[in-house]
Amino acid sequence: IYSWLILFICDSAAAIIGVRFGKTIIADGKSFEGSF
């Protein structure tokens, strides 16, 4: 349950925040802002 919560909540938030506000690309199109 804990891992699923992280998957569905954090991945969704990271993608939206990363696409919208990501400026610092760290790897494979992923941003520091989304990862943070």
PDB file of all heavy atoms in Angstrom:
ATOM      1  N   ILE A   1       0.839  -1.205   0.000  1.00  0.00           N
ATOM      2  CA  ILE A   1       0.000   0.000   0.000  1.00  0.00           C
ATOM      3  C   ILE A   1       0.875   1.256   0.000  1.00  0.00           C
ATOM      4  O   ILE A   1       0.623   2.200  -0.763  1.00  0.00           O
ATOM      5  CB  ILE A   1      -0.970  -0.020   1.203  1.00  0.00           C
ATOM      6  CG1 ILE A   1      -2.031  -1.107   0.988  1.00  0.00           C
ATOM      7  CG2 ILE A   1      -1.620   1.348   1.415  1.00  0.00           C
ATOM      8  CD1 ILE A   1      -2.887  -1.396   2.200  1.00  0.00           C
ATOM      9  N   TYR A   2       1.904   1.254   0.807  1.00  0.00           N
ATOM     10  CA  TYR A   2       2.820   2.402   0.866  1.00  0.00           C
ATOM     11  C   TYR A   2       3.474   2.651  -0.498  1.00  0.00           C
ATOM     12  O   TYR A   2       3.511   3.782  -0.979  1.00  0.00           O
ATOM     13  CB  TYR A   2       3.870   2.153   1.950  1.00  0.00           C
ATOM     14  CG  TYR A   2       4.920   3.219   2.096  1.00  0.00           C
ATOM     15  CD1 TYR A   2       4.569   4.535   2.326  1.00  0.00           C
ATOM     16  CD2 TYR A   2       6.269   2.903   2.024  1.00  0.00           C
ATOM     17  CE1 TYR A   2       5.536   5.518   2.486  1.00  0.00           C
ATOM     18  CE2 TYR A   2       7.239   3.874   2.181  1.00  0.00           C
ATOM     19  CZ  TYR A   2       6.860   5.176   2.405  1.00  0.00           C
ATOM     20  OH  TYR A   2       7.815   6.148   2.551  1.00  0.00           O
ATOM     21  N   SER A   3       3.956   1.590  -1.128  1.00  0.00           N
ATOM     22  CA  SER A   3       4.618   1.768  -2.428  1.00  0.00           C
ATOM     23  C   SER A   3       3.626   2.222  -3.496  1.00  0.00           C
ATOM     24  O   SER A   3       3.972   3.029  -4.359  1.00  0.00           O
ATOM     25  CB  SER A   3       5.328   0.484  -2.849  1.00  0.00           C
ATOM     26  OG  SER A   3       4.401  -0.548  -3.113  1.00  0.00           O
ATOM     27  N   TRP A   4       2.409   1.718  -3.438  1.00  0.00           N
ATOM     28  CA  TRP A   4       1.396   2.146  -4.410  1.00  0.00           C
ATOM     29  C   TRP A   4       1.031   3.616  -4.216  1.00  0.00           C
ATOM     30  O   TRP A   4       0.827   4.340  -5.189  1.00  0.00           O
ATOM     31  CB  TRP A   4       0.156   1.286  -4.313  1.00  0.00           C
ATOM     32  CG  TRP A   4       0.311  -0.119  -4.810  1.00  0.00           C
ATOM     33  CD1 TRP A   4       1.412  -0.678  -5.407  1.00  0.00           C
ATOM     34  CD2 TRP A   4      -0.668  -1.151  -4.748  1.00  0.00           C
ATOM     35  NE1 TRP A   4       1.166  -1.991  -5.712  1.00  0.00           N
ATOM     36  CE2 TRP A   4      -0.108  -2.311  -5.314  1.00  0.00           C
ATOM     37  CE3 TRP A   4      -1.956  -1.216  -4.248  1.00  0.00           C
ATOM     38  CZ2 TRP A   4      -0.787  -3.503  -5.419  1.00  0.00           C
ATOM     39  CZ3 TRP A   4      -2.648  -2.409  -4.344  1.00  0.00           C
ATOM     40  CH2 TRP A   4      -2.078  -3.543  -4.936  1.00  0.00           C
ATOM     41  N   LEU A   5       0.933   4.055  -2.976  1.00  0.00           N
ATOM     42  CA  LEU A   5       0.648   5.472  -2.723  1.00  0.00           C
ATOM     43  C   LEU A   5       1.745   6.347  -3.312  1.00  0.00           C
ATOM     44  O   LEU A   5       1.466   7.367  -3.950  1.00  0.00           O
ATOM     45  CB  LEU A   5       0.517   5.736  -1.214  1.00  0.00           C
ATOM     46  CG  LEU A   5      -0.748   5.208  -0.547  1.00  0.00           C
ATOM     47  CD1 LEU A   5      -0.659   5.357   0.967  1.00  0.00           C
ATOM     48  CD2 LEU A   5      -1.988   5.909  -1.078  1.00  0.00           C
ATOM     49  N   ILE A   6       2.987   5.941  -3.105  1.00  0.00           N
ATOM     50  CA  ILE A   6       4.102   6.694  -3.674  1.00  0.00           C
ATOM     51  C   ILE A   6       4.029   6.687  -5.198  1.00  0.00           C
ATOM     52  O   ILE A   6       4.187   7.724  -5.840  1.00  0.00           O
ATOM     53  CB  ILE A   6       5.450   6.149  -3.160  1.00  0.00           C
ATOM     54  CG1 ILE A   6       5.617   6.506  -1.693  1.00  0.00           C
ATOM     55  CG2 ILE A   6       6.617   6.696  -3.990  1.00  0.00           C
ATOM     56  CD1 ILE A   6       6.845   5.939  -1.038  1.00  0.00           C
ATOM     57  N   LEU A   7       3.766   5.526  -5.774  1.00  0.00           N
ATOM     58  CA  LEU A   7       3.675   5.425  -7.236  1.00  0.00           C
ATOM     59  C   LEU A   7       2.627   6.389  -7.780  1.00  0.00           C
ATOM     60  O   LEU A   7       2.919   7.211  -8.649  1.00  0.00           O
ATOM     61  CB  LEU A   7       3.340   3.987  -7.659  1.00  0.00           C
ATOM     62  CG  LEU A   7       2.924   3.803  -9.120  1.00  0.00           C
ATOM     63  CD1 LEU A   7       4.093   4.083 -10.056  1.00  0.00           C
ATOM     64  CD2 LEU A   7       2.372   2.414  -9.339  1.00  0.00           C
ATOM     65  N   PHE A   8       1.420   6.286  -7.283  1.00  0.00           N
ATOM     66  CA  PHE A   8       0.332   7.045  -7.895  1.00  0.00           C
ATOM     67  C   PHE A   8       0.352   8.528  -7.550  1.00  0.00           C
ATOM     68  O   PHE A   8       0.062   9.363  -8.403  1.00  0.00           O
ATOM     69  CB  PHE A   8      -1.019   6.428  -7.527  1.00  0.00           C
ATOM     70  CG  PHE A   8      -1.200   5.074  -8.145  1.00  0.00           C
ATOM     71  CD1 PHE A   8      -1.288   3.943  -7.351  1.00  0.00           C
ATOM     72  CD2 PHE A   8      -1.255   4.918  -9.513  1.00  0.00           C
ATOM     73  CE1 PHE A   8      -1.444   2.686  -7.919  1.00  0.00           C
ATOM     74  CE2 PHE A   8      -1.391   3.668 -10.098  1.00  0.00           C
ATOM     75  CZ  PHE A   8      -1.492   2.549  -9.296  1.00  0.00           C
ATOM     76  N   ILE A   9       0.711   8.870  -6.333  1.00  0.00           N
ATOM     77  CA  ILE A   9       0.705  10.285  -5.949  1.00  0.00           C
ATOM     78  C   ILE A   9       1.972  10.987  -6.410  1.00  0.00           C
ATOM     79  O   ILE A   9       1.918  12.015  -7.094  1.00  0.00           O
ATOM     80  CB  ILE A   9       0.523  10.437  -4.425  1.00  0.00           C
ATOM     81  CG1 ILE A   9      -0.849   9.903  -4.001  1.00  0.00           C
ATOM     82  CG2 ILE A   9       0.682  11.904  -4.013  1.00  0.00           C
ATOM     83  CD1 ILE A   9      -1.033   9.796  -2.497  1.00  0.00           C
ATOM     84  N   CYS A  10       3.121  10.429  -6.052  1.00  0.00           N
ATOM     85  CA  CYS A  10       4.399  11.116  -6.330  1.00  0.00           C
ATOM     86  C   CYS A  10       4.736  11.161  -7.807  1.00  0.00           C
ATOM     87  O   CYS A  10       5.211  12.178  -8.303  1.00  0.00           O
ATOM     88  CB  CYS A  10       5.526  10.460  -5.544  1.00  0.00           C
ATOM     89  SG  CYS A  10       5.282  10.549  -3.773  1.00  0.00           S
ATOM     90  N   ASP A  11       4.506  10.058  -8.514  1.00  0.00           N
ATOM     91  CA  ASP A  11       4.818  10.049  -9.941  1.00  0.00           C
ATOM     92  C   ASP A  11       3.957  11.061 -10.686  1.00  0.00           C
ATOM     93  O   ASP A  11       4.449  11.785 -11.547  1.00  0.00           O
ATOM     94  CB  ASP A  11       4.637   8.645 -10.517  1.00  0.00           C
ATOM     95  CG  ASP A  11       5.015   8.591 -11.981  1.00  0.00           C
ATOM     96  OD1 ASP A  11       6.193   8.846 -12.303  1.00  0.00           O
ATOM     97  OD2 ASP A  11       4.130   8.317 -12.823  1.00  0.00           O
ATOM     98  N   SER A  12       2.678  11.109 -10.339  1.00  0.00           N
ATOM     99  CA  SER A  12       1.780  12.073 -10.988  1.00  0.00           C
ATOM    100  C   SER A  12       2.222  13.503 -10.712  1.00  0.00           C
ATOM    101  O   SER A  12       2.330  14.321 -11.626  1.00  0.00           O
ATOM    102  CB  SER A  12       0.342  11.867 -10.507  1.00  0.00           C
ATOM    103  OG  SER A  12      -0.114  10.581 -10.836  1.00  0.00           O
ATOM    104  N   ALA A  13       2.476  13.796  -9.447  1.00  0.00           N
ATOM    105  CA  ALA A  13       2.891  15.153  -9.077  1.00  0.00           C
ATOM    106  C   ALA A  13       4.227  15.516  -9.717  1.00  0.00           C
ATOM    107  O   ALA A  13       4.394  16.625 -10.243  1.00  0.00           O
ATOM    108  CB  ALA A  13       2.982  15.274  -7.558  1.00  0.00           C
ATOM    109  N   ALA A  14       5.186  14.591  -9.699  1.00  0.00           N
ATOM    110  CA  ALA A  14       6.514  14.876 -10.263  1.00  0.00           C
ATOM    111  C   ALA A  14       6.429  15.178 -11.755  1.00  0.00           C
ATOM    112  O   ALA A  14       7.091  16.095 -12.248  1.00  0.00           O
ATOM    113  CB  ALA A  14       7.456  13.708 -10.004  1.00  0.00           C
ATOM    114  N   ALA A  15       5.615  14.415 -12.465  1.00  0.00           N
ATOM    115  CA  ALA A  15       5.495  14.637 -13.908  1.00  0.00           C
ATOM    116  C   ALA A  15       4.861  15.990 -14.202  1.00  0.00           C
ATOM    117  O   ALA A  15       5.349  16.745 -15.051  1.00  0.00           O
ATOM    118  CB  ALA A  15       4.675  13.518 -14.545  1.00  0.00           C
ATOM    119  N   ILE A  16       3.793  16.300 -13.507  1.00  0.00           N
ATOM    120  CA  ILE A  16       3.114  17.581 -13.756  1.00  0.00           C
ATOM    121  C   ILE A  16       4.005  18.755 -13.358  1.00  0.00           C
ATOM    122  O   ILE A  16       4.163  19.708 -14.117  1.00  0.00           O
ATOM    123  CB  ILE A  16       1.757  17.622 -13.021  1.00  0.00           C
ATOM    124  CG1 ILE A  16       0.797  16.611 -13.670  1.00  0.00           C
ATOM    125  CG2 ILE A  16       1.159  19.024 -13.054  1.00  0.00           C
ATOM    126  CD1 ILE A  16      -0.480  16.359 -12.894  1.00  0.00           C
ATOM    127  N   ILE A  17       4.608  18.682 -12.190  1.00  0.00           N
ATOM    128  CA  ILE A  17       5.499  19.759 -11.734  1.00  0.00           C
ATOM    129  C   ILE A  17       6.727  19.849 -12.637  1.00  0.00           C
ATOM    130  O   ILE A  17       7.146  20.945 -13.015  1.00  0.00           O
ATOM    131  CB  ILE A  17       5.889  19.552 -10.260  1.00  0.00           C
ATOM    132  CG1 ILE A  17       4.658  19.786  -9.381  1.00  0.00           C
ATOM    133  CG2 ILE A  17       7.039  20.475  -9.851  1.00  0.00           C
ATOM    134  CD1 ILE A  17       4.818  19.359  -7.938  1.00  0.00           C
ATOM    135  N   GLY A  18       7.297  18.707 -12.987  1.00  0.00           N
ATOM    136  CA  GLY A  18       8.476  18.707 -13.849  1.00  0.00           C
ATOM    137  C   GLY A  18       8.211  19.292 -15.221  1.00  0.00           C
ATOM    138  O   GLY A  18       9.007  20.085 -15.740  1.00  0.00           O
ATOM    139  N   VAL A  19       7.084  18.942 -15.818  1.00  0.00           N
ATOM    140  CA  VAL A  19       6.750  19.472 -17.146  1.00  0.00           C
ATOM    141  C   VAL A  19       6.422  20.964 -17.055  1.00  0.00           C
ATOM    142  O   VAL A  19       6.824  21.747 -17.902  1.00  0.00           O
ATOM    143  CB  VAL A  19       5.569  18.681 -17.771  1.00  0.00           C
ATOM    144  CG1 VAL A  19       5.019  19.381 -18.992  1.00  0.00           C
ATOM    145  CG2 VAL A  19       6.016  17.270 -18.132  1.00  0.00           C
ATOM    146  N   ARG A  20       5.718  21.341 -16.010  1.00  0.00           N
ATOM    147  CA  ARG A  20       5.280  22.731 -15.889  1.00  0.00           C
ATOM    148  C   ARG A  20       6.397  23.667 -15.416  1.00  0.00           C
ATOM    149  O   ARG A  20       6.558  24.755 -15.925  1.00  0.00           O
ATOM    150  CB  ARG A  20       4.089  22.799 -14.913  1.00  0.00           C
ATOM    151  CG  ARG A  20       3.550  24.175 -14.665  1.00  0.00           C
ATOM    152  CD  ARG A  20       2.817  24.706 -15.901  1.00  0.00           C
ATOM    153  NE  ARG A  20       2.257  25.998 -15.660  1.00  0.00           N
ATOM    154  CZ  ARG A  20       2.815  27.144 -16.058  1.00  0.00           C
ATOM    155  NH1 ARG A  20       3.942  27.128 -16.723  1.00  0.00           N
ATOM    156  NH2 ARG A  20       2.240  28.282 -15.804  1.00  0.00           N
ATOM    157  N   PHE A  21       7.180  23.233 -14.428  1.00  0.00           N
ATOM    158  CA  PHE A  21       8.153  24.133 -13.803  1.00  0.00           C
ATOM    159  C   PHE A  21       9.600  23.680 -13.967  1.00  0.00           C
ATOM    160  O   PHE A  21      10.499  24.389 -13.537  1.00  0.00           O
ATOM    161  CB  PHE A  21       7.848  24.282 -12.301  1.00  0.00           C
ATOM    162  CG  PHE A  21       6.485  24.824 -12.018  1.00  0.00           C
ATOM    163  CD1 PHE A  21       5.485  23.977 -11.550  1.00  0.00           C
ATOM    164  CD2 PHE A  21       6.177  26.155 -12.236  1.00  0.00           C
ATOM    165  CE1 PHE A  21       4.212  24.461 -11.291  1.00  0.00           C
ATOM    166  CE2 PHE A  21       4.913  26.651 -11.978  1.00  0.00           C
ATOM    167  CZ  PHE A  21       3.920  25.797 -11.509  1.00  0.00           C
ATOM    168  N   GLY A  22       9.812  22.505 -14.528  1.00  0.00           N
ATOM    169  CA  GLY A  22      11.163  21.962 -14.633  1.00  0.00           C
ATOM    170  C   GLY A  22      12.060  22.780 -15.540  1.00  0.00           C
ATOM    171  O   GLY A  22      11.742  23.013 -16.695  1.00  0.00           O
ATOM    172  N   LYS A  23      13.168  23.210 -14.997  1.00  0.00           N
ATOM    173  CA  LYS A  23      14.153  23.981 -15.762  1.00  0.00           C
ATOM    174  C   LYS A  23      15.504  23.275 -15.803  1.00  0.00           C
ATOM    175  O   LYS A  23      16.255  23.435 -16.741  1.00  0.00           O
ATOM    176  CB  LYS A  23      14.351  25.371 -15.126  1.00  0.00           C
ATOM    177  CG  LYS A  23      13.087  26.180 -15.001  1.00  0.00           C
ATOM    178  CD  LYS A  23      12.834  26.989 -16.238  1.00  0.00           C
ATOM    179  CE  LYS A  23      11.682  27.944 -16.048  1.00  0.00           C
ATOM    180  NZ  LYS A  23      10.454  27.527 -16.681  1.00  0.00           N
ATOM    181  N   THR A  24      15.796  22.482 -14.767  1.00  0.00           N
ATOM    182  CA  THR A  24      17.100  21.849 -14.632  1.00  0.00           C
ATOM    183  C   THR A  24      16.981  20.368 -14.966  1.00  0.00           C
ATOM    184  O   THR A  24      16.557  19.563 -14.138  1.00  0.00           O
ATOM    185  CB  THR A  24      17.620  22.007 -13.182  1.00  0.00           C
ATOM    186  OG1 THR A  24      17.469  23.365 -12.784  1.00  0.00           O
ATOM    187  CG2 THR A  24      19.063  21.568 -13.076  1.00  0.00           C
ATOM    188  N   ILE A  25      17.336  20.007 -16.197  1.00  0.00           N
ATOM    189  CA  ILE A  25      17.238  18.616 -16.636  1.00  0.00           C
ATOM    190  C   ILE A  25      18.412  17.841 -16.042  1.00  0.00           C
ATOM    191  O   ILE A  25      19.569  18.235 -16.181  1.00  0.00           O
ATOM    192  CB  ILE A  25      17.239  18.512 -18.179  1.00  0.00           C
ATOM    193  CG1 ILE A  25      16.098  19.349 -18.775  1.00  0.00           C
ATOM    194  CG2 ILE A  25      17.154  17.058 -18.618  1.00  0.00           C
ATOM    195  CD1 ILE A  25      14.715  18.970 -18.288  1.00  0.00           C
ATOM    196  N   ILE A  26      18.099  16.720 -15.380  1.00  0.00           N
ATOM    197  CA  ILE A  26      19.165  15.941 -14.749  1.00  0.00           C
ATOM    198  C   ILE A  26      19.441  14.633 -15.479  1.00  0.00           C
ATOM    199  O   ILE A  26      20.561  14.161 -15.467  1.00  0.00           O
ATOM    200  CB  ILE A  26      18.882  15.683 -13.252  1.00  0.00           C
ATOM    201  CG1 ILE A  26      17.512  15.075 -13.032  1.00  0.00           C
ATOM    202  CG2 ILE A  26      19.025  16.949 -12.457  1.00  0.00           C
ATOM    203  CD1 ILE A  26      17.202  14.722 -11.594  1.00  0.00           C
ATOM    204  N   ALA A  27      18.431  14.032 -16.103  1.00  0.00           N
ATOM    205  CA  ALA A  27      18.659  12.783 -16.843  1.00  0.00           C
ATOM    206  C   ALA A  27      17.408  12.402 -17.610  1.00  0.00           C
ATOM    207  O   ALA A  27      16.298  12.502 -17.084  1.00  0.00           O
ATOM    208  CB  ALA A  27      19.046  11.654 -15.889  1.00  0.00           C
ATOM    209  N   ASP A  28      17.584  11.976 -18.825  1.00  0.00           N
ATOM    210  CA  ASP A  28      16.506  11.391 -19.632  1.00  0.00           C
ATOM    211  C   ASP A  28      15.238  12.242 -19.640  1.00  0.00           C
ATOM    212  O   ASP A  28      14.142  11.727 -19.522  1.00  0.00           O
ATOM    213  CB  ASP A  28      16.222   9.976 -19.127  1.00  0.00           C
ATOM    214  CG  ASP A  28      15.410   9.164 -20.130  1.00  0.00           C
ATOM    215  OD1 ASP A  28      15.564   9.399 -21.348  1.00  0.00           O
ATOM    216  OD2 ASP A  28      14.620   8.304 -19.690  1.00  0.00           O
ATOM    217  N   GLY A  29      15.391  13.548 -19.731  1.00  0.00           N
ATOM    218  CA  GLY A  29      14.247  14.451 -19.775  1.00  0.00           C
ATOM    219  C   GLY A  29      13.610  14.725 -18.429  1.00  0.00           C
ATOM    220  O   GLY A  29      12.610  15.426 -18.341  1.00  0.00           O
ATOM    221  N   LYS A  30      14.156  14.176 -17.365  1.00  0.00           N
ATOM    222  CA  LYS A  30      13.617  14.388 -16.026  1.00  0.00           C
ATOM    223  C   LYS A  30      14.271  15.626 -15.424  1.00  0.00           C
ATOM    224  O   LYS A  30      15.464  15.836 -15.561  1.00  0.00           O
ATOM    225  CB  LYS A  30      13.876  13.187 -15.101  1.00  0.00           C
ATOM    226  CG  LYS A  30      13.434  11.854 -15.664  1.00  0.00           C
ATOM    227  CD  LYS A  30      11.944  11.803 -15.889  1.00  0.00           C
ATOM    228  CE  LYS A  30      11.536  10.444 -16.422  1.00  0.00           C
ATOM    229  NZ  LYS A  30      10.245  10.430 -17.032  1.00  0.00           N
ATOM    230  N   SER A  31      13.447  16.407 -14.726  1.00  0.00           N
ATOM    231  CA  SER A  31      13.976  17.647 -14.161  1.00  0.00           C
ATOM    232  C   SER A  31      14.242  17.497 -12.668  1.00  0.00           C
ATOM    233  O   SER A  31      13.630  16.671 -11.983  1.00  0.00           O
ATOM    234  CB  SER A  31      12.981  18.792 -14.375  1.00  0.00           C
ATOM    235  OG  SER A  31      11.845  18.615 -13.568  1.00  0.00           O
ATOM    236  N   PHE A  32      15.137  18.341 -12.188  1.00  0.00           N
ATOM    237  CA  PHE A  32      15.414  18.400 -10.756  1.00  0.00           C
ATOM    238  C   PHE A  32      14.143  18.782 -10.004  1.00  0.00           C
ATOM    239  O   PHE A  32      13.831  18.208  -8.959  1.00  0.00           O
ATOM    240  CB  PHE A  32      16.530  19.412 -10.469  1.00  0.00           C
ATOM    241  CG  PHE A  32      16.698  19.679  -9.005  1.00  0.00           C
ATOM    242  CD1 PHE A  32      17.380  18.779  -8.192  1.00  0.00           C
ATOM    243  CD2 PHE A  32      16.135  20.815  -8.425  1.00  0.00           C
ATOM    244  CE1 PHE A  32      17.513  19.012  -6.827  1.00  0.00           C
ATOM    245  CE2 PHE A  32      16.263  21.049  -7.061  1.00  0.00           C
ATOM    246  CZ  PHE A  32      16.959  20.152  -6.269  1.00  0.00           C
ATOM    247  N   GLU A  33      13.395  19.741 -10.538  1.00  0.00           N
ATOM    248  CA  GLU A  33      12.197  20.234  -9.869  1.00  0.00           C
ATOM    249  C   GLU A  33      11.152  19.123  -9.710  1.00  0.00           C
ATOM    250  O   GLU A  33      10.555  18.972  -8.630  1.00  0.00           O
ATOM    251  CB  GLU A  33      11.608  21.427 -10.638  1.00  0.00           C
ATOM    252  CG  GLU A  33      12.493  22.649 -10.647  1.00  0.00           C
ATOM    253  CD  GLU A  33      13.643  22.622 -11.671  1.00  0.00           C
ATOM    254  OE1 GLU A  33      13.738  21.653 -12.460  1.00  0.00           O
ATOM    255  OE2 GLU A  33      14.443  23.568 -11.676  1.00  0.00           O
ATOM    256  N   GLY A  34      10.933  18.343 -10.761  1.00  0.00           N
ATOM    257  CA  GLY A  34       9.992  17.227 -10.670  1.00  0.00           C
ATOM    258  C   GLY A  34      10.485  16.159  -9.716  1.00  0.00           C
ATOM    259  O   GLY A  34       9.719  15.638  -8.903  1.00  0.00           O
ATOM    260  N   SER A  35      11.774  15.832  -9.804  1.00  0.00           N
ATOM    261  CA  SER A  35      12.354  14.815  -8.917  1.00  0.00           C
ATOM    262  C   SER A  35      12.321  15.250  -7.460  1.00  0.00           C
ATOM    263  O   SER A  35      12.024  14.454  -6.566  1.00  0.00           O
ATOM    264  CB  SER A  35      13.798  14.515  -9.339  1.00  0.00           C
ATOM    265  OG  SER A  35      13.828  14.011 -10.648  1.00  0.00           O
ATOM    266  N   PHE A  36      12.607  16.521  -7.221  1.00  0.00           N
ATOM    267  CA  PHE A  36      12.581  17.034  -5.853  1.00  0.00           C
ATOM    268  C   PHE A  36      11.160  16.990  -5.293  1.00  0.00           C
ATOM    269  O   PHE A  36      10.953  16.640  -4.127  1.00  0.00           O
ATOM    270  CB  PHE A  36      13.147  18.460  -5.802  1.00  0.00           C
ATOM    271  CG  PHE A  36      13.301  18.996  -4.416  1.00  0.00           C
ATOM    272  CD1 PHE A  36      14.263  18.476  -3.562  1.00  0.00           C
ATOM    273  CD2 PHE A  36      12.487  20.014  -3.960  1.00  0.00           C
ATOM    274  CE1 PHE A  36      14.408  18.963  -2.267  1.00  0.00           C
ATOM    275  CE2 PHE A  36      12.625  20.513  -2.667  1.00  0.00           C
ATOM    276  CZ  PHE A  36      13.584  19.982  -1.817  1.00  0.00           C
TER     277      PHE A  36
END
